[in-house]
Amino acid sequence: MPLHIKASAQAGFLGNAVFDPVATNEYIKTELLKLGWQARIPIPPIYRFLGTDVDFGSSGAIVEVQFSHYSFLLNNTVRSQLFFNTNTPLTGQPVRVVIIVTKSQMFPAANSSLYYEQAVNQLTVLSAYLFNVPLRIVGLFTQRNTTVPAKLTVYSAQTSRTIVTQEERECQIISGRSPRSRSSIRII
C-alpha cells in the first residue's frame, strides 16, 4: 500500500505533509471489498447507542480502522466485546475476532489521533482485566530514512472527503531527534 499523505491544516504544521486517514481508509476499503468483505455493517438497533456501523467484516471477523481520536478505541473495543459476548451475527456469523488497524506514531498526524503503540499499551492492560474477545492490532509502518511510494491527496476543504487531486509521489519519513519525538514526511 502506498503511504497516503495530505497537507496539514493544523496550526504550527500548516502545509506540512501528514498521514491521510481518509485516503488510507478508502484504500483499505477498496482492497477488502475485492476480497469479499462487507463494509459499513449496521449495528443492531438495540446497540446503536454505541454507534451506527462497524467498518468491515467477514465470516465472524470484524475490522475497525481507527485513525481518529484515541478515545474511540475504547468505544470500538467495548462494543466489539458486547458483540462477542452476545453472539451478535454482524456478518451472518457471530463475532469471533476483532482486528483494529491503526497507524504507527512514526507518521505525523492530527493531534490526539490514535497511534499503534498507544493502542497496544491500552489494550494489553485492558485485555488482562476487562476484555476476552480475541483481538489483533495491526499497525501501519514503513521504513524510515528511505524513499517510499506515496499518494498525495488534496481535498476541497479542510474536513472534506471530496478529492480535488491525487497524485503519485515519493517521500521519506525523517526520524525525529529521539525515538519518542515526532517524525516528519519529506515529499521528494
Protein backbone atom coordinates (compact mmCIF):
# COMPACT_ATOMS: atom_id res chain seq x y z
CA MET A 1 0.00 0.00 0.00
CA PRO A 2 1.38 3.42 -0.78
CA LEU A 3 1.66 5.88 2.08
CA HIS A 4 -1.30 8.25 1.79
CA ILE A 5 -0.45 11.83 2.72
CA LYS A 6 -2.03 15.28 2.67
CA ALA A 7 -1.10 18.81 3.72
CA SER A 8 -1.67 19.57 7.40
CA ALA A 9 -4.20 22.24 8.35
CA GLN A 10 -3.04 22.24 11.97
CA ALA A 11 -1.52 25.40 13.45
CA GLY A 12 2.24 25.07 13.71
CA PHE A 13 2.32 22.39 10.99
CA LEU A 14 0.30 24.18 8.29
CA GLY A 15 1.10 22.75 4.87
CA ASN A 16 3.46 20.03 6.15
CA ALA A 17 2.85 16.53 4.82
CA VAL A 18 0.95 14.32 7.29
CA PHE A 19 -0.71 10.91 7.31
CA ASP A 20 -4.01 10.96 5.39
CA PRO A 21 -6.60 8.87 7.25
CA VAL A 22 -9.39 9.40 4.68
CA ALA A 23 -7.44 8.12 1.66
CA THR A 24 -5.86 5.30 3.69
CA ASN A 25 -9.27 4.15 4.90
CA GLU A 26 -10.61 4.27 1.33
CA TYR A 27 -7.68 2.18 0.10
CA ILE A 28 -8.27 -0.44 2.81
CA LYS A 29 -11.99 -0.46 2.00
CA THR A 30 -11.36 -0.98 -1.73
CA GLU A 31 -8.96 -3.86 -1.09
CA LEU A 32 -11.22 -5.60 1.45
CA LEU A 33 -14.27 -5.29 -0.82
CA LYS A 34 -12.26 -7.01 -3.59
CA LEU A 35 -11.77 -9.91 -1.17
CA GLY A 36 -15.49 -10.17 -0.46
CA TRP A 37 -15.59 -8.37 2.89
CA GLN A 38 -18.62 -6.31 3.87
CA ALA A 39 -18.28 -2.58 4.63
CA ARG A 40 -20.25 -0.30 6.96
CA ILE A 41 -22.07 -3.16 8.63
CA PRO A 42 -25.09 -1.79 10.52
CA ILE A 43 -25.10 -2.25 14.27
CA PRO A 44 -28.38 -3.76 15.50
CA PRO A 45 -30.78 -1.07 16.78
CA ILE A 46 -30.57 -2.33 20.38
CA TYR A 47 -26.84 -1.42 20.41
CA ARG A 48 -26.98 1.82 18.35
CA PHE A 49 -26.06 3.86 21.42
CA LEU A 50 -22.51 2.63 20.67
CA GLY A 51 -22.51 3.80 17.03
CA THR A 52 -24.21 3.13 13.73
CA ASP A 53 -21.90 0.68 11.99
CA VAL A 54 -18.77 -1.44 12.06
CA ASP A 55 -16.15 -0.65 9.42
CA PHE A 56 -15.66 -4.10 7.86
CA GLY A 57 -16.48 -7.74 8.46
CA SER A 58 -16.34 -11.24 7.06
CA SER A 59 -17.09 -14.71 8.45
CA GLY A 60 -17.23 -13.70 12.13
CA ALA A 61 -14.29 -11.28 11.93
CA ILE A 62 -14.79 -7.54 12.26
CA VAL A 63 -12.30 -4.81 11.44
CA GLU A 64 -12.25 -1.34 12.92
CA VAL A 65 -9.94 1.10 11.14
CA GLN A 66 -9.02 3.51 13.91
CA PHE A 67 -7.31 6.68 12.68
CA SER A 68 -9.39 9.20 14.61
CA HIS A 69 -9.29 10.41 18.22
CA TYR A 70 -7.72 7.90 20.59
CA SER A 71 -10.84 7.78 22.80
CA PHE A 72 -12.77 5.92 20.07
CA LEU A 73 -10.53 2.88 20.61
CA LEU A 74 -12.29 2.09 23.87
CA ASN A 75 -15.75 2.52 22.36
CA ASN A 76 -14.86 0.20 19.48
CA THR A 77 -13.38 -2.37 21.85
CA VAL A 78 -16.29 -2.25 24.32
CA ARG A 79 -18.86 -2.70 21.58
CA SER A 80 -16.80 -5.48 19.99
CA GLN A 81 -16.72 -7.23 23.36
CA LEU A 82 -20.50 -6.81 23.60
CA PHE A 83 -21.00 -8.31 20.12
CA PHE A 84 -18.70 -11.20 21.11
CA ASN A 85 -20.49 -11.83 24.42
CA THR A 86 -23.95 -11.74 22.83
CA ASN A 87 -23.01 -13.80 19.74
CA THR A 88 -24.22 -10.96 17.53
CA PRO A 89 -24.11 -12.15 13.89
CA LEU A 90 -22.92 -8.93 12.21
CA THR A 91 -21.61 -10.81 9.17
CA GLY A 92 -24.11 -13.66 9.25
CA GLN A 93 -21.94 -15.39 11.84
CA PRO A 94 -21.32 -14.43 15.48
CA VAL A 95 -18.35 -12.13 16.09
CA ARG A 96 -15.34 -14.31 16.89
CA VAL A 97 -12.37 -11.98 16.37
CA VAL A 98 -11.74 -8.24 16.21
CA ILE A 99 -8.99 -6.59 14.18
CA ILE A 100 -8.06 -2.99 14.90
CA VAL A 101 -5.99 -1.20 12.26
CA THR A 102 -4.12 1.96 13.17
CA LYS A 103 -1.01 3.90 12.19
CA SER A 104 2.36 3.95 13.86
CA GLN A 105 3.49 7.04 15.73
CA MET A 106 6.22 7.35 13.10
CA PHE A 107 3.65 9.17 10.94
CA PRO A 108 2.92 12.79 11.78
CA ALA A 109 -0.85 13.15 12.10
CA ALA A 110 -3.62 15.17 13.73
CA ASN A 111 -3.33 15.88 17.44
CA SER A 112 -4.94 13.29 19.71
CA SER A 113 -5.32 10.70 16.96
CA LEU A 114 -4.66 7.10 17.95
CA TYR A 115 -1.28 5.51 17.33
CA TYR A 116 -0.50 1.79 17.17
CA GLU A 117 1.87 2.00 20.13
CA GLN A 118 -0.84 3.65 22.23
CA ALA A 119 -3.41 1.01 21.23
CA VAL A 120 -1.03 -1.81 22.17
CA ASN A 121 -0.33 -0.24 25.58
CA GLN A 122 -4.00 0.33 26.36
CA LEU A 123 -5.35 -2.99 25.11
CA THR A 124 -2.57 -5.05 26.67
CA VAL A 125 -3.59 -3.86 30.13
CA LEU A 126 -7.34 -3.81 29.49
CA SER A 127 -7.36 -7.28 27.92
CA ALA A 128 -5.80 -8.68 31.08
CA TYR A 129 -8.75 -7.45 33.17
CA LEU A 130 -11.74 -6.45 31.03
CA PHE A 131 -11.75 -7.92 27.54
CA ASN A 132 -11.68 -11.52 26.40
CA VAL A 133 -12.71 -11.03 22.77
CA PRO A 134 -9.81 -12.19 20.59
CA LEU A 135 -8.10 -9.01 19.40
CA ARG A 136 -5.43 -8.36 16.80
CA ILE A 137 -3.93 -4.90 16.49
CA VAL A 138 -2.47 -4.18 13.06
CA GLY A 139 -0.08 -1.25 12.83
CA LEU A 140 0.78 0.59 9.64
CA PHE A 141 4.53 1.22 9.41
CA THR A 142 7.12 1.99 6.76
CA GLN A 143 10.89 2.29 6.74
CA ARG A 144 12.44 5.49 7.99
CA ASN A 145 15.02 7.46 6.04
CA THR A 146 14.34 5.57 2.79
CA THR A 147 12.28 6.54 -0.22
CA VAL A 148 8.75 5.07 -0.24
CA PRO A 149 5.83 5.40 -2.67
CA ALA A 150 3.18 7.88 -1.58
CA LYS A 151 -0.14 9.20 -2.78
CA LEU A 152 -0.65 12.92 -2.12
CA THR A 153 -4.31 13.94 -1.92
CA VAL A 154 -5.76 17.44 -1.99
CA TYR A 155 -9.33 17.82 -0.72
CA SER A 156 -11.88 20.54 -1.48
CA ALA A 157 -11.87 21.75 2.15
CA GLN A 158 -10.11 21.01 5.45
CA THR A 159 -12.62 18.42 6.69
CA SER A 160 -13.89 17.33 3.26
CA ARG A 161 -13.74 13.86 1.77
CA THR A 162 -14.15 15.32 -1.73
CA ILE A 163 -10.90 14.81 -3.65
CA VAL A 164 -9.68 17.68 -5.85
CA THR A 165 -6.44 15.98 -6.95
CA GLN A 166 -4.50 12.86 -6.12
CA GLU A 167 -1.02 12.18 -7.43
CA GLU A 168 1.68 9.54 -7.11
CA ARG A 169 4.76 10.84 -5.32
CA GLU A 170 7.71 9.55 -3.36
CA CYS A 171 8.58 10.60 0.15
CA GLN A 172 10.77 9.88 3.14
CA ILE A 173 9.88 9.54 6.79
CA ILE A 174 12.61 11.52 8.52
CA SER A 175 13.25 10.36 12.10
CA GLY A 176 12.80 12.81 14.93
CA ARG A 177 15.64 13.66 17.30
CA SER A 178 14.68 10.85 19.69
CA PRO A 179 12.62 7.65 19.33
CA ARG A 180 9.64 9.37 21.00
CA SER A 181 9.82 12.64 19.06
CA ARG A 182 7.67 13.41 16.04
CA SER A 183 8.97 12.31 12.65
CA SER A 184 8.44 14.35 9.52
CA ILE A 185 7.45 13.44 5.97
CA ARG A 186 9.53 14.90 3.17
CA ILE A 187 7.94 14.79 -0.27
CA ILE A 188 10.50 14.18 -3.00
